[in-house]
Amino acid sequence: DSTQGNTLVLFQMVEKQGKALFDIMKDSDKDVRYVDGSVNAKEREQIRKYAEENDNVVIIASYGTFSTGVNIKNLQHVVFASPSKSRVRNLQSIGRGLRKSADSTHVTIYDISDDMKHNNRENYTLKHFKERLKIYAEEKFKFKVYNYELWYVMAKRAKKPDNYIDNKTFYKYLIEFQEKCKLASEAGEERPQTPNRI
């Protein structure tokens, strides 16, 4: 598994990003810890030390608490869940993963960006991503850019409701219902009740 090892996920907004990510991840097979500004310094240090001494730990932390001045030696992955264009902040955040234990040789950075451009106008997230790519190139980091159509991925993963029917089946039921309504009308009978599946 390419995500074996410890992971630091950095976010910007507590309610919209950090807590939402934690709610999604907390029941996974990873050992997930959460840190934002409300977590006191002693507990932050315990979480940092725990990650250094254990494997398969995910720390979901705000930029303000873990992007600078925190040294985690046993870290294989850093995820920028809401990245910034600040050169200093990005390099310091990458530095979290580069302060490696003796048996590690590299860290993988996942830099996530939305491409929401419209009529050739780029959104800020995409503009900031392009700025970070320049930083990575100047620092001679090896990197690859992958494009994902998330709407397609999410649609494939979404659990269909129990009463879900595909369009072809829905259309078949609709035609059958229309035919029943027509027959009832011709016979002078009451219109049949609309079935739940329509």
N, C-alpha and C. Protein backbone atom coordinates (compact mmCIF):
# COMPACT_ATOMS: atom_id res chain seq x y z
N ASP A 1 0.85 -1.19 0.00
CA ASP A 1 0.00 0.00 0.00
C ASP A 1 0.89 1.24 0.00
N SER A 2 0.63 2.15 -0.93
CA SER A 2 1.47 3.35 -1.06
C SER A 2 1.29 4.31 0.10
N THR A 3 0.26 4.12 0.92
CA THR A 3 0.06 5.02 2.06
C THR A 3 0.43 4.35 3.38
N GLN A 4 1.28 3.33 3.32
CA GLN A 4 1.77 2.74 4.57
C GLN A 4 2.69 3.75 5.25
N GLY A 5 2.71 3.71 6.57
CA GLY A 5 3.54 4.64 7.32
C GLY A 5 2.69 5.75 7.91
N ASN A 6 3.34 6.75 8.45
CA ASN A 6 2.64 7.84 9.14
C ASN A 6 2.38 9.01 8.19
N THR A 7 1.27 9.68 8.44
CA THR A 7 0.82 10.76 7.56
C THR A 7 0.44 11.98 8.38
N LEU A 8 0.87 13.14 7.91
CA LEU A 8 0.44 14.42 8.48
C LEU A 8 -0.45 15.10 7.45
N VAL A 9 -1.71 15.38 7.83
CA VAL A 9 -2.66 16.07 6.96
C VAL A 9 -2.83 17.48 7.52
N LEU A 10 -2.47 18.49 6.72
CA LEU A 10 -2.55 19.88 7.18
C LEU A 10 -3.76 20.57 6.56
N PHE A 11 -4.54 21.24 7.40
CA PHE A 11 -5.73 21.94 6.93
C PHE A 11 -5.72 23.38 7.42
N GLN A 12 -6.58 24.19 6.83
CA GLN A 12 -6.67 25.61 7.16
C GLN A 12 -7.87 25.92 8.05
N MET A 13 -9.07 25.45 7.63
CA MET A 13 -10.31 25.81 8.33
C MET A 13 -10.77 24.67 9.22
N VAL A 14 -10.98 24.97 10.50
CA VAL A 14 -11.29 23.93 11.49
C VAL A 14 -12.60 23.22 11.17
N GLU A 15 -13.70 23.96 11.09
CA GLU A 15 -15.01 23.33 10.93
C GLU A 15 -15.20 22.72 9.53
N LYS A 16 -14.87 23.50 8.49
CA LYS A 16 -15.14 23.05 7.12
C LYS A 16 -14.18 21.98 6.64
N GLN A 17 -12.94 21.96 7.17
CA GLN A 17 -11.96 21.01 6.66
C GLN A 17 -11.49 20.04 7.73
N GLY A 18 -10.89 20.57 8.80
CA GLY A 18 -10.27 19.70 9.80
C GLY A 18 -11.22 18.72 10.44
N LYS A 19 -12.30 19.22 11.01
CA LYS A 19 -13.25 18.33 11.69
C LYS A 19 -13.94 17.40 10.70
N ALA A 20 -14.21 17.91 9.50
CA ALA A 20 -14.83 17.07 8.47
C ALA A 20 -13.91 15.92 8.07
N LEU A 21 -12.61 16.22 7.87
CA LEU A 21 -11.64 15.17 7.54
C LEU A 21 -11.53 14.15 8.67
N PHE A 22 -11.50 14.64 9.91
CA PHE A 22 -11.39 13.74 11.05
C PHE A 22 -12.61 12.82 11.12
N ASP A 23 -13.81 13.36 10.91
CA ASP A 23 -15.03 12.55 10.94
C ASP A 23 -15.00 11.46 9.88
N ILE A 24 -14.44 11.78 8.71
CA ILE A 24 -14.35 10.79 7.63
C ILE A 24 -13.32 9.72 7.97
N MET A 25 -12.19 10.12 8.54
CA MET A 25 -11.05 9.22 8.75
C MET A 25 -11.10 8.42 10.05
N LYS A 26 -11.80 8.91 11.06
CA LYS A 26 -11.67 8.32 12.41
C LYS A 26 -12.04 6.84 12.49
N ASP A 27 -12.89 6.36 11.60
CA ASP A 27 -13.29 4.95 11.64
C ASP A 27 -12.52 4.10 10.65
N SER A 28 -11.43 4.65 10.07
CA SER A 28 -10.63 3.88 9.12
C SER A 28 -9.71 2.93 9.87
N ASP A 29 -8.90 2.16 9.14
CA ASP A 29 -7.98 1.22 9.77
C ASP A 29 -6.70 1.92 10.25
N LYS A 30 -6.64 3.25 10.10
CA LYS A 30 -5.49 4.04 10.58
C LYS A 30 -5.75 4.50 12.00
N ASP A 31 -4.68 4.83 12.69
CA ASP A 31 -4.75 5.40 14.04
C ASP A 31 -4.78 6.92 13.87
N VAL A 32 -5.97 7.52 13.91
CA VAL A 32 -6.14 8.92 13.53
C VAL A 32 -6.19 9.82 14.78
N ARG A 33 -5.36 10.89 14.74
CA ARG A 33 -5.30 11.88 15.82
C ARG A 33 -5.64 13.25 15.22
N TYR A 34 -6.24 14.12 16.04
CA TYR A 34 -6.68 15.43 15.56
C TYR A 34 -6.08 16.54 16.42
N VAL A 35 -5.58 17.58 15.75
CA VAL A 35 -4.99 18.73 16.47
C VAL A 35 -5.44 20.03 15.81
N ASP A 36 -6.01 20.92 16.60
CA ASP A 36 -6.22 22.30 16.15
C ASP A 36 -5.83 23.21 17.31
N GLY A 37 -6.10 24.49 17.20
CA GLY A 37 -5.67 25.44 18.22
C GLY A 37 -6.25 25.20 19.59
N SER A 38 -7.33 24.43 19.69
CA SER A 38 -7.95 24.17 20.99
C SER A 38 -7.23 23.06 21.76
N VAL A 39 -6.34 22.33 21.10
CA VAL A 39 -5.59 21.25 21.76
C VAL A 39 -4.36 21.86 22.43
N ASN A 40 -4.21 21.61 23.72
CA ASN A 40 -3.10 22.26 24.45
C ASN A 40 -1.74 21.70 24.06
N ALA A 41 -0.70 22.45 24.38
CA ALA A 41 0.67 22.13 23.97
C ALA A 41 1.12 20.75 24.47
N LYS A 42 0.74 20.39 25.68
CA LYS A 42 1.14 19.09 26.24
C LYS A 42 0.56 17.94 25.42
N GLU A 43 -0.72 18.06 25.07
CA GLU A 43 -1.36 17.01 24.29
C GLU A 43 -0.79 16.94 22.87
N ARG A 44 -0.46 18.10 22.28
CA ARG A 44 0.17 18.12 20.96
C ARG A 44 1.49 17.37 20.98
N GLU A 45 2.27 17.62 22.04
CA GLU A 45 3.57 16.95 22.17
C GLU A 45 3.39 15.44 22.33
N GLN A 46 2.35 15.03 23.07
CA GLN A 46 2.08 13.59 23.23
C GLN A 46 1.73 12.95 21.88
N ILE A 47 0.95 13.66 21.07
CA ILE A 47 0.57 13.14 19.75
C ILE A 47 1.80 13.07 18.85
N ARG A 48 2.65 14.10 18.87
CA ARG A 48 3.88 14.11 18.08
C ARG A 48 4.77 12.93 18.46
N LYS A 49 4.96 12.74 19.75
CA LYS A 49 5.82 11.65 20.25
C LYS A 49 5.21 10.28 19.90
N TYR A 50 3.90 10.17 20.03
CA TYR A 50 3.21 8.92 19.70
C TYR A 50 3.46 8.54 18.24
N ALA A 51 3.38 9.54 17.33
CA ALA A 51 3.61 9.29 15.90
C ALA A 51 5.05 8.85 15.65
N GLU A 52 6.00 9.41 16.39
CA GLU A 52 7.41 9.02 16.22
C GLU A 52 7.66 7.59 16.65
N GLU A 53 6.89 7.11 17.64
CA GLU A 53 7.13 5.79 18.21
C GLU A 53 6.24 4.70 17.63
N ASN A 54 5.27 5.08 16.77
CA ASN A 54 4.32 4.11 16.23
C ASN A 54 4.20 4.26 14.71
N ASP A 55 3.56 3.26 14.09
CA ASP A 55 3.35 3.29 12.64
C ASP A 55 1.86 3.33 12.33
N ASN A 56 1.56 3.74 11.09
CA ASN A 56 0.19 3.80 10.60
C ASN A 56 -0.65 4.84 11.34
N VAL A 57 0.00 5.92 11.74
CA VAL A 57 -0.67 7.02 12.45
C VAL A 57 -0.96 8.14 11.45
N VAL A 58 -2.16 8.71 11.54
CA VAL A 58 -2.52 9.89 10.74
C VAL A 58 -2.79 11.02 11.72
N ILE A 59 -2.06 12.13 11.55
CA ILE A 59 -2.33 13.32 12.35
C ILE A 59 -3.00 14.34 11.43
N ILE A 60 -4.23 14.69 11.77
CA ILE A 60 -4.95 15.73 11.04
C ILE A 60 -4.79 17.00 11.86
N ALA A 61 -4.01 17.96 11.34
CA ALA A 61 -3.62 19.13 12.14
C ALA A 61 -3.77 20.42 11.34
N SER A 62 -4.09 21.48 12.07
CA SER A 62 -4.18 22.79 11.43
C SER A 62 -2.78 23.30 11.12
N TYR A 63 -2.69 24.12 10.08
CA TYR A 63 -1.40 24.72 9.72
C TYR A 63 -0.80 25.45 10.91
N GLY A 64 -1.62 26.15 11.65
CA GLY A 64 -1.12 26.94 12.77
C GLY A 64 -0.48 26.12 13.87
N THR A 65 -0.85 24.84 13.99
CA THR A 65 -0.32 24.01 15.08
C THR A 65 0.83 23.11 14.65
N PHE A 66 0.85 22.63 13.40
CA PHE A 66 1.86 21.64 13.01
C PHE A 66 2.65 21.99 11.76
N SER A 67 2.43 23.14 11.13
CA SER A 67 3.16 23.40 9.89
C SER A 67 4.56 23.93 10.15
N THR A 68 4.78 24.57 11.29
CA THR A 68 6.11 25.11 11.59
C THR A 68 6.50 24.78 13.03
N GLY A 69 7.79 24.60 13.24
CA GLY A 69 8.31 24.41 14.58
C GLY A 69 8.01 23.08 15.24
N VAL A 70 7.51 22.11 14.48
CA VAL A 70 7.22 20.78 15.04
C VAL A 70 8.04 19.76 14.28
N ASN A 71 8.76 18.94 15.02
CA ASN A 71 9.67 17.96 14.43
C ASN A 71 9.10 16.56 14.63
N ILE A 72 8.67 15.91 13.54
CA ILE A 72 8.17 14.53 13.60
C ILE A 72 9.10 13.70 12.73
N LYS A 73 9.90 12.84 13.36
CA LYS A 73 10.92 12.09 12.62
C LYS A 73 10.36 10.91 11.84
N ASN A 74 9.32 10.28 12.33
CA ASN A 74 8.77 9.08 11.70
C ASN A 74 7.56 9.46 10.85
N LEU A 75 7.81 10.14 9.73
CA LEU A 75 6.72 10.66 8.89
C LEU A 75 7.02 10.32 7.43
N GLN A 76 6.09 9.62 6.78
CA GLN A 76 6.30 9.21 5.39
C GLN A 76 5.48 10.02 4.39
N HIS A 77 4.38 10.64 4.85
CA HIS A 77 3.48 11.36 3.96
C HIS A 77 3.05 12.67 4.59
N VAL A 78 2.98 13.72 3.75
CA VAL A 78 2.41 15.00 4.18
C VAL A 78 1.36 15.37 3.14
N VAL A 79 0.14 15.67 3.62
CA VAL A 79 -0.96 16.05 2.73
C VAL A 79 -1.29 17.51 2.96
N PHE A 80 -1.20 18.32 1.91
CA PHE A 80 -1.67 19.70 1.97
C PHE A 80 -3.14 19.69 1.59
N ALA A 81 -4.02 19.60 2.59
CA ALA A 81 -5.46 19.52 2.31
C ALA A 81 -6.04 20.87 1.92
N SER A 82 -5.40 21.95 2.34
CA SER A 82 -5.82 23.30 1.92
C SER A 82 -4.57 24.16 1.84
N PRO A 83 -3.78 23.95 0.81
CA PRO A 83 -2.46 24.56 0.74
C PRO A 83 -2.47 26.07 0.55
N SER A 84 -1.30 26.65 0.80
CA SER A 84 -1.10 28.08 0.68
C SER A 84 -0.04 28.32 -0.40
N LYS A 85 0.05 29.56 -0.90
CA LYS A 85 1.09 29.85 -1.89
C LYS A 85 2.36 30.37 -1.22
N SER A 86 2.35 30.52 0.11
CA SER A 86 3.49 31.04 0.83
C SER A 86 4.69 30.10 0.71
N ARG A 87 5.77 30.59 0.16
CA ARG A 87 6.99 29.78 0.00
C ARG A 87 7.48 29.27 1.35
N VAL A 88 7.57 30.16 2.33
CA VAL A 88 8.09 29.78 3.65
C VAL A 88 7.22 28.72 4.29
N ARG A 89 5.90 28.95 4.29
CA ARG A 89 5.00 27.99 4.92
C ARG A 89 5.09 26.63 4.24
N ASN A 90 5.12 26.60 2.92
CA ASN A 90 5.18 25.32 2.20
C ASN A 90 6.49 24.58 2.46
N LEU A 91 7.59 25.29 2.41
CA LEU A 91 8.88 24.63 2.66
C LEU A 91 8.99 24.15 4.09
N GLN A 92 8.46 24.94 5.05
CA GLN A 92 8.49 24.48 6.44
C GLN A 92 7.60 23.26 6.62
N SER A 93 6.45 23.25 5.94
CA SER A 93 5.55 22.10 6.05
C SER A 93 6.19 20.86 5.44
N ILE A 94 6.85 21.02 4.31
CA ILE A 94 7.56 19.89 3.70
C ILE A 94 8.67 19.42 4.62
N GLY A 95 9.29 20.36 5.32
CA GLY A 95 10.34 20.03 6.28
C GLY A 95 9.88 19.11 7.38
N ARG A 96 8.58 19.11 7.69
CA ARG A 96 8.05 18.17 8.70
C ARG A 96 8.37 16.75 8.28
N GLY A 97 8.22 16.48 6.99
CA GLY A 97 8.46 15.12 6.51
C GLY A 97 9.92 14.82 6.23
N LEU A 98 10.72 15.86 6.02
CA LEU A 98 12.12 15.63 5.69
C LEU A 98 13.00 15.43 6.92
N ARG A 99 12.48 15.70 8.09
CA ARG A 99 13.24 15.41 9.32
C ARG A 99 13.01 13.94 9.63
N LYS A 100 13.72 13.12 8.90
CA LYS A 100 13.41 11.70 8.86
C LYS A 100 14.16 10.89 9.91
N SER A 101 13.60 9.73 10.21
CA SER A 101 14.33 8.77 11.03
C SER A 101 15.43 8.15 10.18
N ALA A 102 16.37 7.50 10.81
CA ALA A 102 17.58 7.01 10.12
C ALA A 102 17.27 6.00 9.02
N ASP A 103 16.18 5.25 9.15
CA ASP A 103 15.90 4.20 8.16
C ASP A 103 15.00 4.68 7.02
N SER A 104 14.71 5.97 6.92
CA SER A 104 13.85 6.48 5.85
C SER A 104 14.67 7.31 4.87
N THR A 105 14.25 7.30 3.61
CA THR A 105 15.01 8.01 2.59
C THR A 105 14.23 9.12 1.90
N HIS A 106 12.90 9.12 2.01
CA HIS A 106 12.12 10.15 1.33
C HIS A 106 10.76 10.33 2.00
N VAL A 107 10.09 11.39 1.60
CA VAL A 107 8.73 11.64 2.05
C VAL A 107 7.89 11.95 0.82
N THR A 108 6.63 11.54 0.85
CA THR A 108 5.72 11.83 -0.25
C THR A 108 4.78 12.96 0.16
N ILE A 109 4.73 14.00 -0.68
CA ILE A 109 3.85 15.14 -0.44
C ILE A 109 2.65 15.02 -1.36
N TYR A 110 1.45 15.16 -0.82
CA TYR A 110 0.23 15.19 -1.61
C TYR A 110 -0.29 16.62 -1.56
N ASP A 111 -0.19 17.30 -2.67
CA ASP A 111 -0.58 18.71 -2.74
C ASP A 111 -1.88 18.78 -3.53
N ILE A 112 -2.99 19.02 -2.84
CA ILE A 112 -4.32 18.92 -3.44
C ILE A 112 -4.81 20.30 -3.88
N SER A 113 -5.32 20.35 -5.10
CA SER A 113 -5.83 21.62 -5.63
C SER A 113 -7.08 21.38 -6.45
N ASP A 114 -7.98 22.37 -6.46
CA ASP A 114 -9.18 22.31 -7.29
C ASP A 114 -8.95 23.12 -8.56
N ASP A 115 -9.37 22.56 -9.68
CA ASP A 115 -9.37 23.31 -10.93
C ASP A 115 -10.82 23.66 -11.23
N MET A 116 -11.21 24.86 -10.83
CA MET A 116 -12.59 25.31 -10.99
C MET A 116 -12.66 26.48 -11.97
N LYS A 117 -11.72 26.51 -12.92
CA LYS A 117 -11.69 27.66 -13.81
C LYS A 117 -12.95 27.73 -14.65
N HIS A 118 -13.33 28.97 -14.98
CA HIS A 118 -14.55 29.21 -15.75
C HIS A 118 -14.27 30.34 -16.73
N ASN A 119 -14.58 30.11 -17.99
CA ASN A 119 -14.31 31.11 -19.03
C ASN A 119 -12.86 31.61 -18.96
N ASN A 120 -11.94 30.68 -18.82
CA ASN A 120 -10.50 30.97 -18.75
C ASN A 120 -10.08 31.77 -17.52
N ARG A 121 -10.96 31.94 -16.56
CA ARG A 121 -10.59 32.60 -15.29
C ARG A 121 -10.27 31.52 -14.27
N GLU A 122 -9.07 31.57 -13.73
CA GLU A 122 -8.63 30.55 -12.79
C GLU A 122 -9.04 30.90 -11.36
N ASN A 123 -9.44 29.90 -10.64
CA ASN A 123 -9.75 30.08 -9.22
C ASN A 123 -8.45 30.23 -8.43
N TYR A 124 -8.56 30.81 -7.22
CA TYR A 124 -7.36 31.07 -6.41
C TYR A 124 -6.61 29.80 -6.05
N THR A 125 -7.34 28.74 -5.76
CA THR A 125 -6.68 27.49 -5.38
C THR A 125 -5.77 27.00 -6.50
N LEU A 126 -6.24 27.10 -7.73
CA LEU A 126 -5.44 26.67 -8.88
C LEU A 126 -4.25 27.60 -9.08
N LYS A 127 -4.46 28.91 -8.94
CA LYS A 127 -3.36 29.87 -9.07
C LYS A 127 -2.28 29.59 -8.03
N HIS A 128 -2.70 29.35 -6.79
CA HIS A 128 -1.74 29.07 -5.72
C HIS A 128 -0.99 27.77 -5.97
N PHE A 129 -1.69 26.78 -6.54
CA PHE A 129 -1.05 25.51 -6.87
C PHE A 129 0.06 25.72 -7.89
N LYS A 130 -0.19 26.54 -8.89
CA LYS A 130 0.83 26.82 -9.90
C LYS A 130 2.04 27.53 -9.28
N GLU A 131 1.79 28.38 -8.29
CA GLU A 131 2.90 29.03 -7.58
C GLU A 131 3.72 27.99 -6.83
N ARG A 132 3.04 27.03 -6.20
CA ARG A 132 3.77 25.98 -5.46
C ARG A 132 4.57 25.10 -6.42
N LEU A 133 4.04 24.82 -7.59
CA LEU A 133 4.79 24.03 -8.56
C LEU A 133 6.09 24.73 -8.92
N LYS A 134 6.07 26.05 -9.04
CA LYS A 134 7.29 26.80 -9.31
C LYS A 134 8.29 26.62 -8.17
N ILE A 135 7.79 26.64 -6.93
CA ILE A 135 8.66 26.44 -5.76
C ILE A 135 9.29 25.05 -5.82
N TYR A 136 8.48 24.04 -6.12
CA TYR A 136 8.99 22.66 -6.18
C TYR A 136 10.07 22.54 -7.25
N ALA A 137 9.84 23.18 -8.39
CA ALA A 137 10.83 23.13 -9.47
C ALA A 137 12.12 23.84 -9.07
N GLU A 138 11.99 25.02 -8.45
CA GLU A 138 13.18 25.78 -8.03
C GLU A 138 13.97 25.02 -6.97
N GLU A 139 13.27 24.30 -6.09
CA GLU A 139 13.93 23.53 -5.04
C GLU A 139 14.42 22.16 -5.55
N LYS A 140 14.15 21.88 -6.83
CA LYS A 140 14.55 20.63 -7.47
C LYS A 140 13.93 19.39 -6.82
N PHE A 141 12.68 19.54 -6.36
CA PHE A 141 11.94 18.40 -5.86
C PHE A 141 11.43 17.59 -7.05
N LYS A 142 11.45 16.27 -6.93
CA LYS A 142 10.85 15.43 -7.96
C LYS A 142 9.34 15.43 -7.71
N PHE A 143 8.57 15.74 -8.75
CA PHE A 143 7.12 15.74 -8.56
C PHE A 143 6.40 15.35 -9.84
N LYS A 144 5.18 14.85 -9.67
CA LYS A 144 4.29 14.52 -10.77
C LYS A 144 2.94 15.16 -10.47
N VAL A 145 2.24 15.56 -11.52
CA VAL A 145 0.90 16.13 -11.37
C VAL A 145 -0.10 15.13 -11.93
N TYR A 146 -1.09 14.80 -11.12
CA TYR A 146 -2.15 13.89 -11.54
C TYR A 146 -3.47 14.66 -11.54
N ASN A 147 -4.27 14.43 -12.58
CA ASN A 147 -5.60 15.04 -12.67
C ASN A 147 -6.65 13.97 -12.43
N TYR A 148 -7.59 14.26 -11.53
CA TYR A 148 -8.68 13.34 -11.24
C TYR A 148 -10.01 14.04 -11.44
N GLU A 149 -10.91 13.37 -12.10
CA GLU A 149 -12.28 13.87 -12.23
C GLU A 149 -13.03 13.38 -10.99
N LEU A 150 -13.03 14.19 -9.95
CA LEU A 150 -13.58 13.74 -8.67
C LEU A 150 -15.07 13.46 -8.71
N TRP A 151 -15.82 14.21 -9.51
CA TRP A 151 -17.26 13.94 -9.58
C TRP A 151 -17.49 12.50 -10.03
N TYR A 152 -16.64 12.01 -10.96
CA TYR A 152 -16.79 10.66 -11.48
C TYR A 152 -16.41 9.63 -10.41
N VAL A 153 -15.29 9.88 -9.72
CA VAL A 153 -14.83 8.98 -8.66
C VAL A 153 -15.87 8.90 -7.55
N MET A 154 -16.38 10.07 -7.12
CA MET A 154 -17.36 10.10 -6.03
C MET A 154 -18.66 9.41 -6.45
N ALA A 155 -19.07 9.61 -7.69
CA ALA A 155 -20.30 8.98 -8.17
C ALA A 155 -20.17 7.46 -8.16
N LYS A 156 -18.99 6.95 -8.53
CA LYS A 156 -18.77 5.51 -8.54
C LYS A 156 -18.76 4.93 -7.13
N ARG A 157 -18.24 5.71 -6.16
CA ARG A 157 -18.13 5.23 -4.79
C ARG A 157 -19.41 5.41 -3.99
N ALA A 158 -20.27 6.30 -4.45
CA ALA A 158 -21.48 6.63 -3.68
C ALA A 158 -22.36 5.39 -3.53
N LYS A 159 -22.88 5.21 -2.32
CA LYS A 159 -23.77 4.09 -2.07
C LYS A 159 -25.15 4.47 -2.59
N LYS A 160 -25.69 3.62 -3.42
CA LYS A 160 -27.01 3.90 -3.96
C LYS A 160 -28.07 3.61 -2.90
N PRO A 161 -29.12 4.42 -2.82
CA PRO A 161 -30.18 4.16 -1.85
C PRO A 161 -30.88 2.84 -2.18
N ASP A 162 -31.53 2.25 -1.16
CA ASP A 162 -32.19 0.96 -1.34
C ASP A 162 -33.25 0.99 -2.43
N ASN A 163 -33.91 2.13 -2.60
CA ASN A 163 -34.99 2.22 -3.58
C ASN A 163 -34.49 2.74 -4.94
N TYR A 164 -33.15 2.73 -5.16
CA TYR A 164 -32.58 3.23 -6.41
C TYR A 164 -32.96 2.34 -7.58
N ILE A 165 -33.37 2.98 -8.69
CA ILE A 165 -33.55 2.26 -9.95
C ILE A 165 -32.88 3.08 -11.05
N ASP A 166 -32.33 2.39 -12.03
CA ASP A 166 -31.67 3.10 -13.12
C ASP A 166 -32.71 3.73 -14.05
N ASN A 167 -32.24 4.59 -14.94
CA ASN A 167 -33.15 5.34 -15.82
C ASN A 167 -33.97 4.43 -16.73
N LYS A 168 -33.34 3.39 -17.23
CA LYS A 168 -34.06 2.48 -18.14
C LYS A 168 -35.24 1.81 -17.42
N THR A 169 -35.01 1.34 -16.21
CA THR A 169 -36.06 0.70 -15.42
C THR A 169 -37.13 1.71 -15.04
N PHE A 170 -36.71 2.92 -14.64
CA PHE A 170 -37.65 3.98 -14.29
C PHE A 170 -38.58 4.28 -15.47
N TYR A 171 -38.00 4.39 -16.65
CA TYR A 171 -38.78 4.69 -17.84
C TYR A 171 -39.80 3.57 -18.10
N LYS A 172 -39.38 2.33 -17.92
CA LYS A 172 -40.28 1.18 -18.10
C LYS A 172 -41.47 1.28 -17.14
N TYR A 173 -41.19 1.60 -15.85
CA TYR A 173 -42.27 1.73 -14.86
C TYR A 173 -43.20 2.89 -15.22
N LEU A 174 -42.61 3.96 -15.72
CA LEU A 174 -43.40 5.14 -16.07
C LEU A 174 -44.37 4.82 -17.21
N ILE A 175 -43.89 4.11 -18.24
CA ILE A 175 -44.75 3.70 -19.37
C ILE A 175 -45.87 2.80 -18.88
N GLU A 176 -45.53 1.83 -18.01
CA GLU A 176 -46.54 0.92 -17.46
C GLU A 176 -47.60 1.69 -16.70
N PHE A 177 -47.17 2.67 -15.89
CA PHE A 177 -48.11 3.46 -15.11
C PHE A 177 -49.01 4.30 -16.02
N GLN A 178 -48.43 4.90 -17.06
CA GLN A 178 -49.22 5.69 -18.00
C GLN A 178 -50.28 4.80 -18.68
N GLU A 179 -49.90 3.58 -19.01
CA GLU A 179 -50.84 2.65 -19.65
C GLU A 179 -51.99 2.31 -18.69
N LYS A 180 -51.68 2.09 -17.41
CA LYS A 180 -52.72 1.80 -16.42
C LYS A 180 -53.66 2.99 -16.26
N CYS A 181 -53.10 4.19 -16.27
CA CYS A 181 -53.92 5.40 -16.15
C CYS A 181 -54.86 5.53 -17.35
N LYS A 182 -54.33 5.23 -18.54
CA LYS A 182 -55.14 5.32 -19.76
C LYS A 182 -56.29 4.33 -19.70
N LEU A 183 -56.00 3.06 -19.31
CA LEU A 183 -57.04 2.03 -19.22
C LEU A 183 -58.10 2.40 -18.19
N ALA A 184 -57.64 2.97 -17.04
CA ALA A 184 -58.59 3.37 -16.00
C ALA A 184 -59.50 4.49 -16.51
N SER A 185 -58.94 5.42 -17.24
CA SER A 185 -59.71 6.55 -17.78
C SER A 185 -60.74 6.06 -18.79
N GLU A 186 -60.33 5.13 -19.68
CA GLU A 186 -61.25 4.59 -20.68
C GLU A 186 -62.38 3.80 -20.03
N ALA A 187 -62.10 3.15 -18.89
CA ALA A 187 -63.11 2.36 -18.19
C ALA A 187 -63.93 3.21 -17.23
N GLY A 188 -63.61 4.50 -17.14
CA GLY A 188 -64.34 5.39 -16.24
C GLY A 188 -64.00 5.14 -14.78
N GLU A 189 -62.85 4.55 -14.55
CA GLU A 189 -62.43 4.25 -13.18
C GLU A 189 -61.51 5.35 -12.66
N GLU A 190 -61.30 5.31 -11.35
CA GLU A 190 -60.40 6.28 -10.71
C GLU A 190 -58.96 6.04 -11.16
N ARG A 191 -58.23 7.13 -11.26
CA ARG A 191 -56.80 7.03 -11.65
C ARG A 191 -56.06 6.21 -10.60
N PRO A 192 -55.23 5.25 -11.02
CA PRO A 192 -54.48 4.46 -10.02
C PRO A 192 -53.48 5.31 -9.26
N GLN A 193 -53.18 4.84 -8.05
CA GLN A 193 -52.21 5.55 -7.20
C GLN A 193 -50.81 5.45 -7.81
N THR A 194 -50.06 6.57 -7.75
CA THR A 194 -48.70 6.59 -8.29
C THR A 194 -47.79 5.74 -7.42
N PRO A 195 -47.11 4.76 -8.02
CA PRO A 195 -46.22 3.90 -7.21
C PRO A 195 -45.01 4.67 -6.69
N ASN A 196 -44.42 4.21 -5.58
CA ASN A 196 -43.27 4.88 -4.96
C ASN A 196 -42.06 4.95 -5.87
N ARG A 197 -41.92 4.00 -6.76
CA ARG A 197 -40.72 3.96 -7.60
C ARG A 197 -40.74 4.97 -8.73
N ILE A 198 -41.85 5.72 -8.87
CA ILE A 198 -41.92 6.76 -9.92
C ILE A 198 -41.82 8.12 -9.26
